[in-house]
Amino acid sequence: MNDIQNILVYVIVAIAIGYLAKKYVLPKTLFSSKKSKNKSCGEDDCGCH
């Protein structure tokens, strides 16, 4: 039982470190999609968002 708890702790810590690295350390261009922006308010940039 103790081994399972240790494995779960290591997995959760690894996921948390990966999330923080993705959010704060890695560049955002690595994860952004190349799709065009959705302009639901019109063709021009109205500044409403």
PDB file of N, CA and C in Angstrom:
ATOM      1  N   MET A   1       0.828  -1.196   0.000  1.00  0.00           N
ATOM      2  CA  MET A   1       0.000   0.000   0.000  1.00  0.00           C
ATOM      3  C   MET A   1       0.873   1.260   0.000  1.00  0.00           C
ATOM      4  N   ASN A   2       1.963   1.222   0.715  1.00  0.00           N
ATOM      5  CA  ASN A   2       2.852   2.360   0.791  1.00  0.00           C
ATOM      6  C   ASN A   2       3.498   2.650  -0.560  1.00  0.00           C
ATOM      7  N   ASP A   3       3.794   1.613  -1.327  1.00  0.00           N
ATOM      8  CA  ASP A   3       4.399   1.797  -2.639  1.00  0.00           C
ATOM      9  C   ASP A   3       3.433   2.491  -3.598  1.00  0.00           C
ATOM     10  N   ILE A   4       2.163   2.128  -3.542  1.00  0.00           N
ATOM     11  CA  ILE A   4       1.163   2.741  -4.414  1.00  0.00           C
ATOM     12  C   ILE A   4       1.021   4.220  -4.090  1.00  0.00           C
ATOM     13  N   GLN A   5       1.035   4.566  -2.818  1.00  0.00           N
ATOM     14  CA  GLN A   5       0.926   5.966  -2.413  1.00  0.00           C
ATOM     15  C   GLN A   5       2.132   6.768  -2.903  1.00  0.00           C
ATOM     16  N   ASN A   6       3.312   6.197  -2.812  1.00  0.00           N
ATOM     17  CA  ASN A   6       4.502   6.890  -3.296  1.00  0.00           C
ATOM     18  C   ASN A   6       4.444   7.121  -4.799  1.00  0.00           C
ATOM     19  N   ILE A   7       3.997   6.122  -5.536  1.00  0.00           N
ATOM     20  CA  ILE A   7       3.888   6.262  -6.986  1.00  0.00           C
ATOM     21  C   ILE A   7       2.873   7.346  -7.330  1.00  0.00           C
ATOM     22  N   LEU A   8       1.733   7.367  -6.651  1.00  0.00           N
ATOM     23  CA  LEU A   8       0.716   8.382  -6.913  1.00  0.00           C
ATOM     24  C   LEU A   8       1.232   9.784  -6.594  1.00  0.00           C
ATOM     25  N   VAL A   9       1.971   9.910  -5.520  1.00  0.00           N
ATOM     26  CA  VAL A   9       2.540  11.217  -5.165  1.00  0.00           C
ATOM     27  C   VAL A   9       3.508  11.675  -6.240  1.00  0.00           C
ATOM     28  N   TYR A  10       4.375  10.802  -6.715  1.00  0.00           N
ATOM     29  CA  TYR A  10       5.328  11.168  -7.758  1.00  0.00           C
ATOM     30  C   TYR A  10       4.621  11.551  -9.060  1.00  0.00           C
ATOM     31  N   VAL A  11       3.561  10.842  -9.403  1.00  0.00           N
ATOM     32  CA  VAL A  11       2.821  11.153 -10.625  1.00  0.00           C
ATOM     33  C   VAL A  11       2.148  12.516 -10.499  1.00  0.00           C
ATOM     34  N   ILE A  12       1.533  12.796  -9.368  1.00  0.00           N
ATOM     35  CA  ILE A  12       0.854  14.075  -9.174  1.00  0.00           C
ATOM     36  C   ILE A  12       1.853  15.225  -9.166  1.00  0.00           C
ATOM     37  N   VAL A  13       2.990  15.040  -8.538  1.00  0.00           N
ATOM     38  CA  VAL A  13       4.020  16.082  -8.522  1.00  0.00           C
ATOM     39  C   VAL A  13       4.554  16.315  -9.934  1.00  0.00           C
ATOM     40  N   ALA A  14       4.744  15.260 -10.710  1.00  0.00           N
ATOM     41  CA  ALA A  14       5.229  15.412 -12.080  1.00  0.00           C
ATOM     42  C   ALA A  14       4.209  16.157 -12.941  1.00  0.00           C
ATOM     43  N   ILE A  15       2.931  15.862 -12.766  1.00  0.00           N
ATOM     44  CA  ILE A  15       1.888  16.574 -13.515  1.00  0.00           C
ATOM     45  C   ILE A  15       1.862  18.046 -13.117  1.00  0.00           C
ATOM     46  N   ALA A  16       1.990  18.333 -11.829  1.00  0.00           N
ATOM     47  CA  ALA A  16       1.977  19.717 -11.361  1.00  0.00           C
ATOM     48  C   ALA A  16       3.175  20.495 -11.898  1.00  0.00           C
ATOM     49  N   ILE A  17       4.343  19.897 -11.893  1.00  0.00           N
ATOM     50  CA  ILE A  17       5.537  20.568 -12.410  1.00  0.00           C
ATOM     51  C   ILE A  17       5.409  20.781 -13.922  1.00  0.00           C
ATOM     52  N   GLY A  18       4.873  19.803 -14.620  1.00  0.00           N
ATOM     53  CA  GLY A  18       4.657  19.955 -16.051  1.00  0.00           C
ATOM     54  C   GLY A  18       3.669  21.067 -16.368  1.00  0.00           C
ATOM     55  N   TYR A  19       2.606  21.168 -15.597  1.00  0.00           N
ATOM     56  CA  TYR A  19       1.624  22.236 -15.793  1.00  0.00           C
ATOM     57  C   TYR A  19       2.258  23.606 -15.555  1.00  0.00           C
ATOM     58  N   LEU A  20       3.006  23.739 -14.473  1.00  0.00           N
ATOM     59  CA  LEU A  20       3.639  25.024 -14.165  1.00  0.00           C
ATOM     60  C   LEU A  20       4.684  25.395 -15.218  1.00  0.00           C
ATOM     61  N   ALA A  21       5.416  24.403 -15.699  1.00  0.00           N
ATOM     62  CA  ALA A  21       6.403  24.676 -16.747  1.00  0.00           C
ATOM     63  C   ALA A  21       5.709  25.127 -18.023  1.00  0.00           C
ATOM     64  N   LYS A  22       4.605  24.487 -18.375  1.00  0.00           N
ATOM     65  CA  LYS A  22       3.868  24.866 -19.567  1.00  0.00           C
ATOM     66  C   LYS A  22       3.290  26.267 -19.424  1.00  0.00           C
ATOM     67  N   LYS A  23       2.809  26.597 -18.250  1.00  0.00           N
ATOM     68  CA  LYS A  23       2.143  27.878 -18.050  1.00  0.00           C
ATOM     69  C   LYS A  23       3.126  29.035 -17.936  1.00  0.00           C
ATOM     70  N   TYR A  24       4.261  28.856 -17.274  1.00  0.00           N
ATOM     71  CA  TYR A  24       5.131  29.974 -16.965  1.00  0.00           C
ATOM     72  C   TYR A  24       6.499  29.944 -17.654  1.00  0.00           C
ATOM     73  N   VAL A  25       7.010  28.788 -18.008  1.00  0.00           N
ATOM     74  CA  VAL A  25       8.386  28.705 -18.493  1.00  0.00           C
ATOM     75  C   VAL A  25       8.448  28.591 -20.010  1.00  0.00           C
ATOM     76  N   LEU A  26       7.697  27.696 -20.588  1.00  0.00           N
ATOM     77  CA  LEU A  26       7.766  27.456 -22.022  1.00  0.00           C
ATOM     78  C   LEU A  26       7.105  28.587 -22.795  1.00  0.00           C
ATOM     79  N   PRO A  27       7.577  28.883 -24.003  1.00  0.00           N
ATOM     80  CA  PRO A  27       6.978  29.971 -24.786  1.00  0.00           C
ATOM     81  C   PRO A  27       5.559  29.622 -25.228  1.00  0.00           C
ATOM     82  N   LYS A  28       4.709  30.635 -25.270  1.00  0.00           N
ATOM     83  CA  LYS A  28       3.317  30.402 -25.632  1.00  0.00           C
ATOM     84  C   LYS A  28       3.154  30.046 -27.101  1.00  0.00           C
ATOM     85  N   THR A  29       4.099  30.433 -27.931  1.00  0.00           N
ATOM     86  CA  THR A  29       3.988  30.118 -29.352  1.00  0.00           C
ATOM     87  C   THR A  29       4.139  28.621 -29.615  1.00  0.00           C
ATOM     88  N   LEU A  30       4.704  27.914 -28.669  1.00  0.00           N
ATOM     89  CA  LEU A  30       4.871  26.473 -28.826  1.00  0.00           C
ATOM     90  C   LEU A  30       3.528  25.755 -28.785  1.00  0.00           C
ATOM     91  N   PHE A  31       2.562  26.296 -28.036  1.00  0.00           N
ATOM     92  CA  PHE A  31       1.276  25.636 -27.851  1.00  0.00           C
ATOM     93  C   PHE A  31       0.125  26.311 -28.561  1.00  0.00           C
ATOM     94  N   SER A  32       0.355  27.454 -29.193  1.00  0.00           N
ATOM     95  CA  SER A  32      -0.733  28.158 -29.856  1.00  0.00           C
ATOM     96  C   SER A  32      -1.006  27.507 -31.207  1.00  0.00           C
ATOM     97  N   SER A  33      -2.268  27.550 -31.585  1.00  0.00           N
ATOM     98  CA  SER A  33      -2.648  26.980 -32.869  1.00  0.00           C
ATOM     99  C   SER A  33      -2.485  28.034 -33.959  1.00  0.00           C
ATOM    100  N   LYS A  34      -2.379  27.588 -35.184  1.00  0.00           N
ATOM    101  CA  LYS A  34      -2.164  28.475 -36.326  1.00  0.00           C
ATOM    102  C   LYS A  34      -3.488  28.946 -36.935  1.00  0.00           C
ATOM    103  N   LYS A  35      -4.612  28.670 -36.269  1.00  0.00           N
ATOM    104  CA  LYS A  35      -5.915  29.050 -36.803  1.00  0.00           C
ATOM    105  C   LYS A  35      -6.097  30.560 -36.732  1.00  0.00           C
ATOM    106  N   SER A  36      -6.945  31.055 -37.610  1.00  0.00           N
ATOM    107  CA  SER A  36      -7.240  32.486 -37.576  1.00  0.00           C
ATOM    108  C   SER A  36      -8.140  32.793 -36.389  1.00  0.00           C
ATOM    109  N   LYS A  37      -8.060  34.027 -35.932  1.00  0.00           N
ATOM    110  CA  LYS A  37      -8.859  34.428 -34.777  1.00  0.00           C
ATOM    111  C   LYS A  37     -10.322  34.521 -35.160  1.00  0.00           C
ATOM    112  N   ASN A  38     -11.178  34.156 -34.232  1.00  0.00           N
ATOM    113  CA  ASN A  38     -12.610  34.237 -34.436  1.00  0.00           C
ATOM    114  C   ASN A  38     -13.056  35.671 -34.162  1.00  0.00           C
ATOM    115  N   LYS A  39     -13.550  36.338 -35.183  1.00  0.00           N
ATOM    116  CA  LYS A  39     -14.009  37.714 -35.016  1.00  0.00           C
ATOM    117  C   LYS A  39     -15.529  37.714 -35.060  1.00  0.00           C
ATOM    118  N   SER A  40     -16.139  37.522 -33.909  1.00  0.00           N
ATOM    119  CA  SER A  40     -17.586  37.453 -33.862  1.00  0.00           C
ATOM    120  C   SER A  40     -18.239  38.826 -33.872  1.00  0.00           C
ATOM    121  N   CYS A  41     -17.459  39.896 -33.633  1.00  0.00           N
ATOM    122  CA  CYS A  41     -18.060  41.225 -33.562  1.00  0.00           C
ATOM    123  C   CYS A  41     -17.894  42.000 -34.862  1.00  0.00           C
ATOM    124  N   GLY A  42     -17.317  41.421 -35.873  1.00  0.00           N
ATOM    125  CA  GLY A  42     -17.164  42.109 -37.145  1.00  0.00           C
ATOM    126  C   GLY A  42     -15.805  41.862 -37.748  1.00  0.00           C
ATOM    127  N   GLU A  43     -15.566  42.453 -38.887  1.00  0.00           N
ATOM    128  CA  GLU A  43     -14.313  42.257 -39.596  1.00  0.00           C
ATOM    129  C   GLU A  43     -13.184  43.103 -39.037  1.00  0.00           C
ATOM    130  N   ASP A  44     -13.508  44.312 -38.590  1.00  0.00           N
ATOM    131  CA  ASP A  44     -12.447  45.170 -38.053  1.00  0.00           C
ATOM    132  C   ASP A  44     -12.256  44.926 -36.557  1.00  0.00           C
ATOM    133  N   ASP A  45     -11.145  45.367 -36.052  1.00  0.00           N
ATOM    134  CA  ASP A  45     -10.850  45.201 -34.635  1.00  0.00           C
ATOM    135  C   ASP A  45     -11.531  46.324 -33.868  1.00  0.00           C
ATOM    136  N   CYS A  46     -12.672  46.020 -33.283  1.00  0.00           N
ATOM    137  CA  CYS A  46     -13.463  47.051 -32.625  1.00  0.00           C
ATOM    138  C   CYS A  46     -12.975  47.354 -31.213  1.00  0.00           C
ATOM    139  N   GLY A  47     -12.095  46.524 -30.661  1.00  0.00           N
ATOM    140  CA  GLY A  47     -11.572  46.766 -29.333  1.00  0.00           C
ATOM    141  C   GLY A  47     -12.530  46.378 -28.215  1.00  0.00           C
ATOM    142  N   CYS A  48     -13.527  45.578 -28.534  1.00  0.00           N
ATOM    143  CA  CYS A  48     -14.511  45.208 -27.526  1.00  0.00           C
ATOM    144  C   CYS A  48     -14.061  44.024 -26.677  1.00  0.00           C
ATOM    145  N   HIS A  49     -12.920  43.422 -27.002  1.00  0.00           N
ATOM    146  CA  HIS A  49     -12.453  42.254 -26.236  1.00  0.00           C
ATOM    147  C   HIS A  49     -11.154  42.553 -25.574  1.00  0.00           C
TER     148      HIS A  49
END
